[in-house]
PDB file of N, CA and C in Angstrom:
ATOM      1  N   UNK A   1       0.816  -1.202   0.000  1.00  0.00           N
ATOM      2  CA  UNK A   1       0.000   0.000   0.000  1.00  0.00           C
ATOM      3  C   UNK A   1       0.856   1.260   0.000  1.00  0.00           C
ATOM      4  N   UNK A   2       2.134   1.125  -0.300  1.00  0.00           N
ATOM      5  CA  UNK A   2       3.006   2.307  -0.280  1.00  0.00           C
ATOM      6  C   UNK A   2       3.552   2.662  -1.660  1.00  0.00           C
ATOM      7  N   UNK A   3       2.965   2.102  -2.716  1.00  0.00           N
ATOM      8  CA  UNK A   3       3.466   2.391  -4.068  1.00  0.00           C
ATOM      9  C   UNK A   3       3.644   3.887  -4.299  1.00  0.00           C
ATOM     10  N   UNK A   4       2.603   4.646  -4.032  1.00  0.00           N
ATOM     11  CA  UNK A   4       2.606   6.074  -4.347  1.00  0.00           C
ATOM     12  C   UNK A   4       3.514   6.881  -3.429  1.00  0.00           C
ATOM     13  N   UNK A   5       4.038   6.278  -2.403  1.00  0.00           N
ATOM     14  CA  UNK A   5       4.949   6.977  -1.501  1.00  0.00           C
ATOM     15  C   UNK A   5       6.406   6.584  -1.747  1.00  0.00           C
ATOM     16  N   UNK A   6       6.641   5.691  -2.695  1.00  0.00           N
ATOM     17  CA  UNK A   6       8.004   5.228  -2.981  1.00  0.00           C
ATOM     18  C   UNK A   6       8.558   5.981  -4.184  1.00  0.00           C
ATOM     19  N   UNK A   7       9.537   6.813  -3.937  1.00  0.00           N
ATOM     20  CA  UNK A   7      10.093   7.636  -5.004  1.00  0.00           C
ATOM     21  C   UNK A   7      10.741   6.788  -6.094  1.00  0.00           C
ATOM     22  N   UNK A   8      11.399   5.700  -5.722  1.00  0.00           N
ATOM     23  CA  UNK A   8      12.026   4.845  -6.736  1.00  0.00           C
ATOM     24  C   UNK A   8      10.983   4.206  -7.648  1.00  0.00           C
ATOM     25  N   UNK A   9       9.844   3.802  -7.121  1.00  0.00           N
ATOM     26  CA  UNK A   9       8.778   3.224  -7.960  1.00  0.00           C
ATOM     27  C   UNK A   9       8.285   4.255  -8.969  1.00  0.00           C
ATOM     28  N   UNK A  10       8.072   5.469  -8.496  1.00  0.00           N
ATOM     29  CA  UNK A  10       7.615   6.540  -9.384  1.00  0.00           C
ATOM     30  C   UNK A  10       8.677   6.854 -10.432  1.00  0.00           C
ATOM     31  N   UNK A  11       9.932   6.836 -10.024  1.00  0.00           N
ATOM     32  CA  UNK A  11      11.032   7.102 -10.958  1.00  0.00           C
ATOM     33  C   UNK A  11      11.049   6.063 -12.085  1.00  0.00           C
ATOM     34  N   UNK A  12      10.881   4.810 -11.733  1.00  0.00           N
ATOM     35  CA  UNK A  12      10.876   3.750 -12.749  1.00  0.00           C
ATOM     36  C   UNK A  12       9.725   3.933 -13.733  1.00  0.00           C
ATOM     37  N   UNK A  13       8.543   4.266 -13.243  1.00  0.00           N
ATOM     38  CA  UNK A  13       7.408   4.522 -14.135  1.00  0.00           C
ATOM     39  C   UNK A  13       7.668   5.748 -15.009  1.00  0.00           C
ATOM     40  N   UNK A  14       8.224   6.789 -14.424  1.00  0.00           N
ATOM     41  CA  UNK A  14       8.515   8.007 -15.176  1.00  0.00           C
ATOM     42  C   UNK A  14       9.483   7.723 -16.317  1.00  0.00           C
ATOM     43  N   UNK A  15      10.549   6.990 -16.036  1.00  0.00           N
ATOM     44  CA  UNK A  15      11.516   6.698 -17.102  1.00  0.00           C
ATOM     45  C   UNK A  15      10.904   5.793 -18.163  1.00  0.00           C
ATOM     46  N   UNK A  16      10.084   4.842 -17.774  1.00  0.00           N
ATOM     47  CA  UNK A  16       9.414   3.968 -18.736  1.00  0.00           C
ATOM     48  C   UNK A  16       8.575   4.789 -19.704  1.00  0.00           C
ATOM     49  N   UNK A  17       7.779   5.713 -19.172  1.00  0.00           N
ATOM     50  CA  UNK A  17       6.882   6.506 -20.012  1.00  0.00           C
ATOM     51  C   UNK A  17       7.603   7.638 -20.744  1.00  0.00           C
ATOM     52  N   UNK A  18       8.811   8.002 -20.319  1.00  0.00           N
ATOM     53  CA  UNK A  18       9.544   9.087 -20.963  1.00  0.00           C
ATOM     54  C   UNK A  18      10.296   8.649 -22.211  1.00  0.00           C
ATOM     55  N   UNK A  19      10.692   7.395 -22.262  1.00  0.00           N
ATOM     56  CA  UNK A  19      11.581   6.960 -23.338  1.00  0.00           C
ATOM     57  C   UNK A  19      10.928   6.076 -24.381  1.00  0.00           C
ATOM     58  N   UNK A  20       9.617   5.991 -24.370  1.00  0.00           N
ATOM     59  CA  UNK A  20       8.896   5.294 -25.429  1.00  0.00           C
ATOM     60  C   UNK A  20       7.491   5.861 -25.535  1.00  0.00           C
ATOM     61  N   UNK A  21       6.799   5.515 -26.585  1.00  0.00           N
ATOM     62  CA  UNK A  21       5.450   6.020 -26.782  1.00  0.00           C
ATOM     63  C   UNK A  21       4.534   5.606 -25.642  1.00  0.00           C
ATOM     64  N   UNK A  22       3.525   6.424 -25.383  1.00  0.00           N
ATOM     65  CA  UNK A  22       2.619   6.176 -24.268  1.00  0.00           C
ATOM     66  C   UNK A  22       1.974   4.801 -24.358  1.00  0.00           C
ATOM     67  N   UNK A  23       1.424   4.454 -25.527  1.00  0.00           N
ATOM     68  CA  UNK A  23       0.735   3.166 -25.684  1.00  0.00           C
ATOM     69  C   UNK A  23       1.696   1.996 -25.489  1.00  0.00           C
ATOM     70  N   UNK A  24       2.912   2.126 -26.013  1.00  0.00           N
ATOM     71  CA  UNK A  24       3.913   1.066 -25.854  1.00  0.00           C
ATOM     72  C   UNK A  24       4.287   0.902 -24.376  1.00  0.00           C
ATOM     73  N   UNK A  25       4.488   2.015 -23.690  1.00  0.00           N
ATOM     74  CA  UNK A  25       4.828   1.961 -22.263  1.00  0.00           C
ATOM     75  C   UNK A  25       3.674   1.384 -21.456  1.00  0.00           C
ATOM     76  N   UNK A  26       2.457   1.803 -21.791  1.00  0.00           N
ATOM     77  CA  UNK A  26       1.276   1.306 -21.090  1.00  0.00           C
ATOM     78  C   UNK A  26       1.140  -0.201 -21.250  1.00  0.00           C
ATOM     79  N   UNK A  27       1.460  -0.704 -22.435  1.00  0.00           N
ATOM     80  CA  UNK A  27       1.383  -2.146 -22.686  1.00  0.00           C
ATOM     81  C   UNK A  27       2.421  -2.910 -21.867  1.00  0.00           C
ATOM     82  N   UNK A  28       3.534  -2.271 -21.547  1.00  0.00           N
ATOM     83  CA  UNK A  28       4.598  -2.938 -20.785  1.00  0.00           C
ATOM     84  C   UNK A  28       4.407  -2.834 -19.279  1.00  0.00           C
ATOM     85  N   UNK A  29       3.672  -1.831 -18.837  1.00  0.00           N
ATOM     86  CA  UNK A  29       3.467  -1.628 -17.397  1.00  0.00           C
ATOM     87  C   UNK A  29       2.409  -2.602 -16.889  1.00  0.00           C
ATOM     88  N   UNK A  30       2.684  -3.204 -15.763  1.00  0.00           N
ATOM     89  CA  UNK A  30       1.734  -4.148 -15.171  1.00  0.00           C
ATOM     90  C   UNK A  30       1.586  -3.835 -13.691  1.00  0.00           C
ATOM     91  N   UNK A  31       0.362  -3.613 -13.275  1.00  0.00           N
ATOM     92  CA  UNK A  31       0.083  -3.346 -11.869  1.00  0.00           C
ATOM     93  C   UNK A  31      -0.116  -4.677 -11.154  1.00  0.00           C
ATOM     94  N   UNK A  32       0.769  -4.969 -10.232  1.00  0.00           N
ATOM     95  CA  UNK A  32       0.688  -6.205  -9.457  1.00  0.00           C
ATOM     96  C   UNK A  32       0.523  -5.803  -7.998  1.00  0.00           C
ATOM     97  N   UNK A  33      -0.677  -5.971  -7.462  1.00  0.00           N
ATOM     98  CA  UNK A  33      -0.885  -5.559  -6.077  1.00  0.00           C
ATOM     99  C   UNK A  33      -0.136  -6.471  -5.103  1.00  0.00           C
ATOM    100  N   UNK A  34       0.661  -5.864  -4.267  1.00  0.00           N
ATOM    101  CA  UNK A  34       1.342  -6.592  -3.202  1.00  0.00           C
ATOM    102  C   UNK A  34       0.577  -6.273  -1.927  1.00  0.00           C
ATOM    103  N   UNK A  35      -0.232  -7.206  -1.518  1.00  0.00           N
ATOM    104  CA  UNK A  35      -1.113  -6.965  -0.384  1.00  0.00           C
ATOM    105  C   UNK A  35      -0.355  -7.080   0.926  1.00  0.00           C
ATOM    106  N   UNK A  36      -0.695  -6.204   1.853  1.00  0.00           N
ATOM    107  CA  UNK A  36      -0.084  -6.314   3.171  1.00  0.00           C
ATOM    108  C   UNK A  36      -0.662  -7.540   3.877  1.00  0.00           C
ATOM    109  N   UNK A  37      -0.004  -7.984   4.916  1.00  0.00           N
ATOM    110  CA  UNK A  37      -0.379  -9.227   5.598  1.00  0.00           C
ATOM    111  C   UNK A  37      -1.818  -9.200   6.104  1.00  0.00           C
ATOM    112  N   UNK A  38      -2.248  -8.076   6.652  1.00  0.00           N
ATOM    113  CA  UNK A  38      -3.613  -7.983   7.193  1.00  0.00           C
ATOM    114  C   UNK A  38      -4.651  -8.111   6.085  1.00  0.00           C
ATOM    115  N   UNK A  39      -4.420  -7.449   4.957  1.00  0.00           N
ATOM    116  CA  UNK A  39      -5.359  -7.530   3.833  1.00  0.00           C
ATOM    117  C   UNK A  39      -5.380  -8.939   3.269  1.00  0.00           C
ATOM    118  N   UNK A  40      -4.200  -9.522   3.112  1.00  0.00           N
ATOM    119  CA  UNK A  40      -4.114 -10.880   2.578  1.00  0.00           C
ATOM    120  C   UNK A  40      -4.835 -11.876   3.488  1.00  0.00           C
ATOM    121  N   UNK A  41      -4.680 -11.725   4.786  1.00  0.00           N
ATOM    122  CA  UNK A  41      -5.341 -12.612   5.743  1.00  0.00           C
ATOM    123  C   UNK A  41      -6.860 -12.456   5.668  1.00  0.00           C
ATOM    124  N   UNK A  42      -7.320 -11.206   5.528  1.00  0.00           N
ATOM    125  CA  UNK A  42      -8.754 -10.936   5.423  1.00  0.00           C
ATOM    126  C   UNK A  42      -9.311 -11.559   4.148  1.00  0.00           C
ATOM    127  N   UNK A  43      -8.622 -11.401   3.029  1.00  0.00           N
ATOM    128  CA  UNK A  43      -9.076 -11.928   1.742  1.00  0.00           C
ATOM    129  C   UNK A  43      -9.049 -13.455   1.738  1.00  0.00           C
ATOM    130  N   UNK A  44      -8.068 -14.030   2.406  1.00  0.00           N
ATOM    131  CA  UNK A  44      -7.904 -15.488   2.452  1.00  0.00           C
ATOM    132  C   UNK A  44      -9.130 -16.182   3.044  1.00  0.00           C
ATOM    133  N   UNK A  45      -9.824 -15.525   3.946  1.00  0.00           N
ATOM    134  CA  UNK A  45     -10.942 -16.135   4.667  1.00  0.00           C
ATOM    135  C   UNK A  45     -12.270 -16.058   3.925  1.00  0.00           C
ATOM    136  N   UNK A  46     -12.330 -15.348   2.808  1.00  0.00           N
ATOM    137  CA  UNK A  46     -13.618 -15.164   2.146  1.00  0.00           C
ATOM    138  C   UNK A  46     -13.757 -16.044   0.911  1.00  0.00           C
ATOM    139  N   UNK A  47     -14.994 -16.180   0.439  1.00  0.00           N
ATOM    140  CA  UNK A  47     -15.292 -17.065  -0.688  1.00  0.00           C
ATOM    141  C   UNK A  47     -14.664 -16.553  -1.977  1.00  0.00           C
ATOM    142  N   UNK A  48     -14.641 -17.418  -2.980  1.00  0.00           N
ATOM    143  CA  UNK A  48     -13.963 -17.117  -4.234  1.00  0.00           C
ATOM    144  C   UNK A  48     -14.478 -15.851  -4.913  1.00  0.00           C
ATOM    145  N   UNK A  49     -15.785 -15.719  -5.076  1.00  0.00           N
ATOM    146  CA  UNK A  49     -16.338 -14.536  -5.746  1.00  0.00           C
ATOM    147  C   UNK A  49     -16.015 -13.279  -4.946  1.00  0.00           C
ATOM    148  N   UNK A  50     -16.217 -13.363  -3.648  1.00  0.00           N
ATOM    149  CA  UNK A  50     -15.911 -12.211  -2.800  1.00  0.00           C
ATOM    150  C   UNK A  50     -14.407 -11.919  -2.815  1.00  0.00           C
ATOM    151  N   UNK A  51     -13.601 -12.966  -2.930  1.00  0.00           N
ATOM    152  CA  UNK A  51     -12.150 -12.785  -2.968  1.00  0.00           C
ATOM    153  C   UNK A  51     -11.754 -11.994  -4.211  1.00  0.00           C
ATOM    154  N   UNK A  52     -12.329 -12.341  -5.345  1.00  0.00           N
ATOM    155  CA  UNK A  52     -12.046 -11.625  -6.588  1.00  0.00           C
ATOM    156  C   UNK A  52     -12.425 -10.154  -6.439  1.00  0.00           C
ATOM    157  N   UNK A  53     -13.585  -9.896  -5.854  1.00  0.00           N
ATOM    158  CA  UNK A  53     -14.030  -8.520  -5.638  1.00  0.00           C
ATOM    159  C   UNK A  53     -13.109  -7.779  -4.668  1.00  0.00           C
ATOM    160  N   UNK A  54     -12.667  -8.451  -3.624  1.00  0.00           N
ATOM    161  CA  UNK A  54     -11.782  -7.829  -2.641  1.00  0.00           C
ATOM    162  C   UNK A  54     -10.435  -7.473  -3.270  1.00  0.00           C
ATOM    163  N   UNK A  55      -9.899  -8.364  -4.088  1.00  0.00           N
ATOM    164  CA  UNK A  55      -8.632  -8.088  -4.770  1.00  0.00           C
ATOM    165  C   UNK A  55      -8.819  -6.918  -5.735  1.00  0.00           C
ATOM    166  N   UNK A  56      -9.942  -6.895  -6.449  1.00  0.00           N
ATOM    167  CA  UNK A  56     -10.237  -5.801  -7.385  1.00  0.00           C
ATOM    168  C   UNK A  56     -10.320  -4.475  -6.634  1.00  0.00           C
ATOM    169  N   UNK A  57     -10.950  -4.468  -5.472  1.00  0.00           N
ATOM    170  CA  UNK A  57     -11.035  -3.244  -4.671  1.00  0.00           C
ATOM    171  C   UNK A  57      -9.641  -2.771  -4.263  1.00  0.00           C
ATOM    172  N   UNK A  58      -8.791  -3.711  -3.892  1.00  0.00           N
ATOM    173  CA  UNK A  58      -7.424  -3.355  -3.498  1.00  0.00           C
ATOM    174  C   UNK A  58      -6.654  -2.797  -4.692  1.00  0.00           C
ATOM    175  N   UNK A  59      -6.822  -3.412  -5.863  1.00  0.00           N
ATOM    176  CA  UNK A  59      -6.176  -2.906  -7.076  1.00  0.00           C
ATOM    177  C   UNK A  59      -6.658  -1.491  -7.384  1.00  0.00           C
ATOM    178  N   UNK A  60      -7.963  -1.263  -7.260  1.00  0.00           N
ATOM    179  CA  UNK A  60      -8.527   0.066  -7.511  1.00  0.00           C
ATOM    180  C   UNK A  60      -7.976   1.095  -6.530  1.00  0.00           C
ATOM    181  N   UNK A  61      -7.837   0.699  -5.280  1.00  0.00           N
ATOM    182  CA  UNK A  61      -7.296   1.612  -4.267  1.00  0.00           C
ATOM    183  C   UNK A  61      -5.863   2.010  -4.628  1.00  0.00           C
ATOM    184  N   UNK A  62      -5.059   1.028  -5.026  1.00  0.00           N
ATOM    185  CA  UNK A  62      -3.670   1.299  -5.400  1.00  0.00           C
ATOM    186  C   UNK A  62      -3.620   2.198  -6.631  1.00  0.00           C
ATOM    187  N   UNK A  63      -4.455   1.905  -7.620  1.00  0.00           N
ATOM    188  CA  UNK A  63      -4.499   2.721  -8.833  1.00  0.00           C
ATOM    189  C   UNK A  63      -4.873   4.164  -8.499  1.00  0.00           C
ATOM    190  N   UNK A  64      -5.842   4.354  -7.617  1.00  0.00           N
ATOM    191  CA  UNK A  64      -6.227   5.709  -7.206  1.00  0.00           C
ATOM    192  C   UNK A  64      -5.083   6.430  -6.506  1.00  0.00           C
ATOM    193  N   UNK A  65      -4.309   5.703  -5.707  1.00  0.00           N
ATOM    194  CA  UNK A  65      -3.139   6.305  -5.065  1.00  0.00           C
ATOM    195  C   UNK A  65      -2.141   6.766  -6.118  1.00  0.00           C
ATOM    196  N   UNK A  66      -1.919   5.934  -7.134  1.00  0.00           N
ATOM    197  CA  UNK A  66      -0.979   6.300  -8.192  1.00  0.00           C
ATOM    198  C   UNK A  66      -1.481   7.497  -8.995  1.00  0.00           C
ATOM    199  N   UNK A  67      -2.779   7.534  -9.247  1.00  0.00           N
ATOM    200  CA  UNK A  67      -3.346   8.645 -10.014  1.00  0.00           C
ATOM    201  C   UNK A  67      -3.270   9.972  -9.260  1.00  0.00           C
ATOM    202  N   UNK A  68      -3.241   9.915  -7.946  1.00  0.00           N
ATOM    203  CA  UNK A  68      -3.130  11.142  -7.155  1.00  0.00           C
ATOM    204  C   UNK A  68      -1.702  11.342  -6.643  1.00  0.00           C
ATOM    205  N   UNK A  69      -0.736  10.728  -7.316  1.00  0.00           N
ATOM    206  CA  UNK A  69       0.671  10.797  -6.924  1.00  0.00           C
ATOM    207  C   UNK A  69       1.151  12.243  -6.813  1.00  0.00           C
ATOM    208  N   UNK A  70       1.917  12.515  -5.780  1.00  0.00           N
ATOM    209  CA  UNK A  70       2.553  13.819  -5.589  1.00  0.00           C
ATOM    210  C   UNK A  70       4.001  13.566  -5.194  1.00  0.00           C
ATOM    211  N   UNK A  71       4.922  14.006  -6.045  1.00  0.00           N
ATOM    212  CA  UNK A  71       6.338  13.741  -5.811  1.00  0.00           C
ATOM    213  C   UNK A  71       6.814  14.299  -4.470  1.00  0.00           C
ATOM    214  N   UNK A  72       6.179  15.357  -3.988  1.00  0.00           N
ATOM    215  CA  UNK A  72       6.591  15.938  -2.708  1.00  0.00           C
ATOM    216  C   UNK A  72       6.305  15.020  -1.523  1.00  0.00           C
ATOM    217  N   UNK A  73       5.415  14.053  -1.701  1.00  0.00           N
ATOM    218  CA  UNK A  73       5.062  13.114  -0.632  1.00  0.00           C
ATOM    219  C   UNK A  73       5.941  11.861  -0.690  1.00  0.00           C
ATOM    220  N   UNK A  74       6.452  11.543  -1.867  1.00  0.00           N
ATOM    221  CA  UNK A  74       7.231  10.312  -2.058  1.00  0.00           C
ATOM    222  C   UNK A  74       8.602  10.418  -1.392  1.00  0.00           C
ATOM    223  N   UNK A  75       9.086   9.281  -0.924  1.00  0.00           N
ATOM    224  CA  UNK A  75      10.361   9.228  -0.200  1.00  0.00           C
ATOM    225  C   UNK A  75      11.174   8.002  -0.620  1.00  0.00           C
ATOM    226  N   UNK A  76      12.460   8.034  -0.268  1.00  0.00           N
ATOM    227  CA  UNK A  76      13.313   6.853  -0.390  1.00  0.00           C
ATOM    228  C   UNK A  76      13.860   6.536   0.997  1.00  0.00           C
ATOM    229  N   UNK A  77      14.408   5.349   1.133  1.00  0.00           N
ATOM    230  CA  UNK A  77      14.991   4.954   2.412  1.00  0.00           C
ATOM    231  C   UNK A  77      16.255   5.764   2.688  1.00  0.00           C
ATOM    232  N   UNK A  78      17.052   5.971   1.643  1.00  0.00           N
ATOM    233  CA  UNK A  78      18.336   6.658   1.774  1.00  0.00           C
ATOM    234  C   UNK A  78      18.180   8.142   1.416  1.00  0.00           C
ATOM    235  N   UNK A  79      18.377   9.045   2.363  1.00  0.00           N
ATOM    236  CA  UNK A  79      18.212  10.473   2.086  1.00  0.00           C
ATOM    237  C   UNK A  79      19.180  10.993   1.019  1.00  0.00           C
ATOM    238  N   UNK A  80      20.356  10.382   0.895  1.00  0.00           N
ATOM    239  CA  UNK A  80      21.309  10.803  -0.138  1.00  0.00           C
ATOM    240  C   UNK A  80      20.778  10.476  -1.532  1.00  0.00           C
ATOM    241  N   UNK A  81      20.216   9.284  -1.694  1.00  0.00           N
ATOM    242  CA  UNK A  81      19.612   8.909  -2.971  1.00  0.00           C
ATOM    243  C   UNK A  81      18.415   9.805  -3.271  1.00  0.00           C
ATOM    244  N   UNK A  82      17.633  10.090  -2.251  1.00  0.00           N
ATOM    245  CA  UNK A  82      16.461  10.950  -2.426  1.00  0.00           C
ATOM    246  C   UNK A  82      16.878  12.334  -2.919  1.00  0.00           C
ATOM    247  N   UNK A  83      17.943  12.888  -2.354  1.00  0.00           N
ATOM    248  CA  UNK A  83      18.424  14.209  -2.775  1.00  0.00           C
ATOM    249  C   UNK A  83      18.855  14.189  -4.239  1.00  0.00           C
ATOM    250  N   UNK A  84      19.528  13.125  -4.657  1.00  0.00           N
ATOM    251  CA  UNK A  84      19.957  13.013  -6.061  1.00  0.00           C
ATOM    252  C   UNK A  84      18.748  12.922  -6.992  1.00  0.00           C
ATOM    253  N   UNK A  85      17.788  12.069  -6.630  1.00  0.00           N
ATOM    254  CA  UNK A  85      16.583  11.929  -7.452  1.00  0.00           C
ATOM    255  C   UNK A  85      15.823  13.250  -7.536  1.00  0.00           C
ATOM    256  N   UNK A  86      15.693  13.930  -6.421  1.00  0.00           N
ATOM    257  CA  UNK A  86      14.956  15.196  -6.414  1.00  0.00           C
ATOM    258  C   UNK A  86      15.657  16.250  -7.277  1.00  0.00           C
ATOM    259  N   UNK A  87      16.984  16.217  -7.326  1.00  0.00           N
ATOM    260  CA  UNK A  87      17.720  17.137  -8.198  1.00  0.00           C
ATOM    261  C   UNK A  87      17.369  16.915  -9.660  1.00  0.00           C
ATOM    262  N   UNK A  88      17.302  15.661 -10.073  1.00  0.00           N
ATOM    263  CA  UNK A  88      16.936  15.337 -11.452  1.00  0.00           C
ATOM    264  C   UNK A  88      15.472  15.700 -11.703  1.00  0.00           C
ATOM    265  N   UNK A  89      14.625  15.414 -10.749  1.00  0.00           N
ATOM    266  CA  UNK A  89      13.197  15.718 -10.887  1.00  0.00           C
ATOM    267  C   UNK A  89      12.987  17.224 -11.040  1.00  0.00           C
ATOM    268  N   UNK A  90      13.699  18.018 -10.257  1.00  0.00           N
ATOM    269  CA  UNK A  90      13.576  19.478 -10.382  1.00  0.00           C
ATOM    270  C   UNK A  90      14.017  19.937 -11.772  1.00  0.00           C
ATOM    271  N   UNK A  91      15.068  19.306 -12.312  1.00  0.00           N
ATOM    272  CA  UNK A  91      15.550  19.670 -13.649  1.00  0.00           C
ATOM    273  C   UNK A  91      14.503  19.363 -14.719  1.00  0.00           C
ATOM    274  N   UNK A  92      13.796  18.257 -14.554  1.00  0.00           N
ATOM    275  CA  UNK A  92      12.746  17.866 -15.502  1.00  0.00           C
ATOM    276  C   UNK A  92      11.503  18.717 -15.281  1.00  0.00           C
ATOM    277  N   UNK A  93      11.225  18.999 -14.032  1.00  0.00           N
ATOM    278  CA  UNK A  93      10.027  19.758 -13.664  1.00  0.00           C
ATOM    279  C   UNK A  93       9.105  18.892 -12.829  1.00  0.00           C
ATOM    280  N   UNK A  94       8.780  19.373 -11.657  1.00  0.00           N
ATOM    281  CA  UNK A  94       7.927  18.623 -10.734  1.00  0.00           C
ATOM    282  C   UNK A  94       6.558  18.358 -11.350  1.00  0.00           C
ATOM    283  N   UNK A  95       5.993  19.347 -12.031  1.00  0.00           N
ATOM    284  CA  UNK A  95       4.666  19.164 -12.646  1.00  0.00           C
ATOM    285  C   UNK A  95       4.705  18.054 -13.689  1.00  0.00           C
ATOM    286  N   UNK A  96       5.760  18.020 -14.493  1.00  0.00           N
ATOM    287  CA  UNK A  96       5.904  16.974 -15.519  1.00  0.00           C
ATOM    288  C   UNK A  96       6.009  15.605 -14.845  1.00  0.00           C
ATOM    289  N   UNK A  97       6.751  15.540 -13.775  1.00  0.00           N
ATOM    290  CA  UNK A  97       6.934  14.275 -13.058  1.00  0.00           C
ATOM    291  C   UNK A  97       5.621  13.803 -12.453  1.00  0.00           C
ATOM    292  N   UNK A  98       4.821  14.717 -11.942  1.00  0.00           N
ATOM    293  CA  UNK A  98       3.546  14.355 -11.320  1.00  0.00           C
ATOM    294  C   UNK A  98       2.491  13.909 -12.324  1.00  0.00           C
ATOM    295  N   UNK A  99       2.703  14.203 -13.616  1.00  0.00           N
ATOM    296  CA  UNK A  99       1.735  13.773 -14.635  1.00  0.00           C
ATOM    297  C   UNK A  99       1.646  12.277 -14.646  1.00  0.00           C
TER     298      UNK A  99
END
């Protein structure tokens, strides 16, 4: 549930979409929800149809987080790496990165 807060994840998506056509990049990008232990445990206990719906809800939640991405909120574990990434992001433009 931290995709949209991980600066490296956003950086990888940004570079993917920057160096090839939008449709080509979109075809290569795959959203794979990594459920936290509590969500996975909750989903594990429910029936198959409900499980599919629960996973879909989690995917939608993650997608909404990505769509409302704000680079100012994203972080890295290493502050030195974060400073380097932010320098490049400022050069490109924060608004462009947030697109």
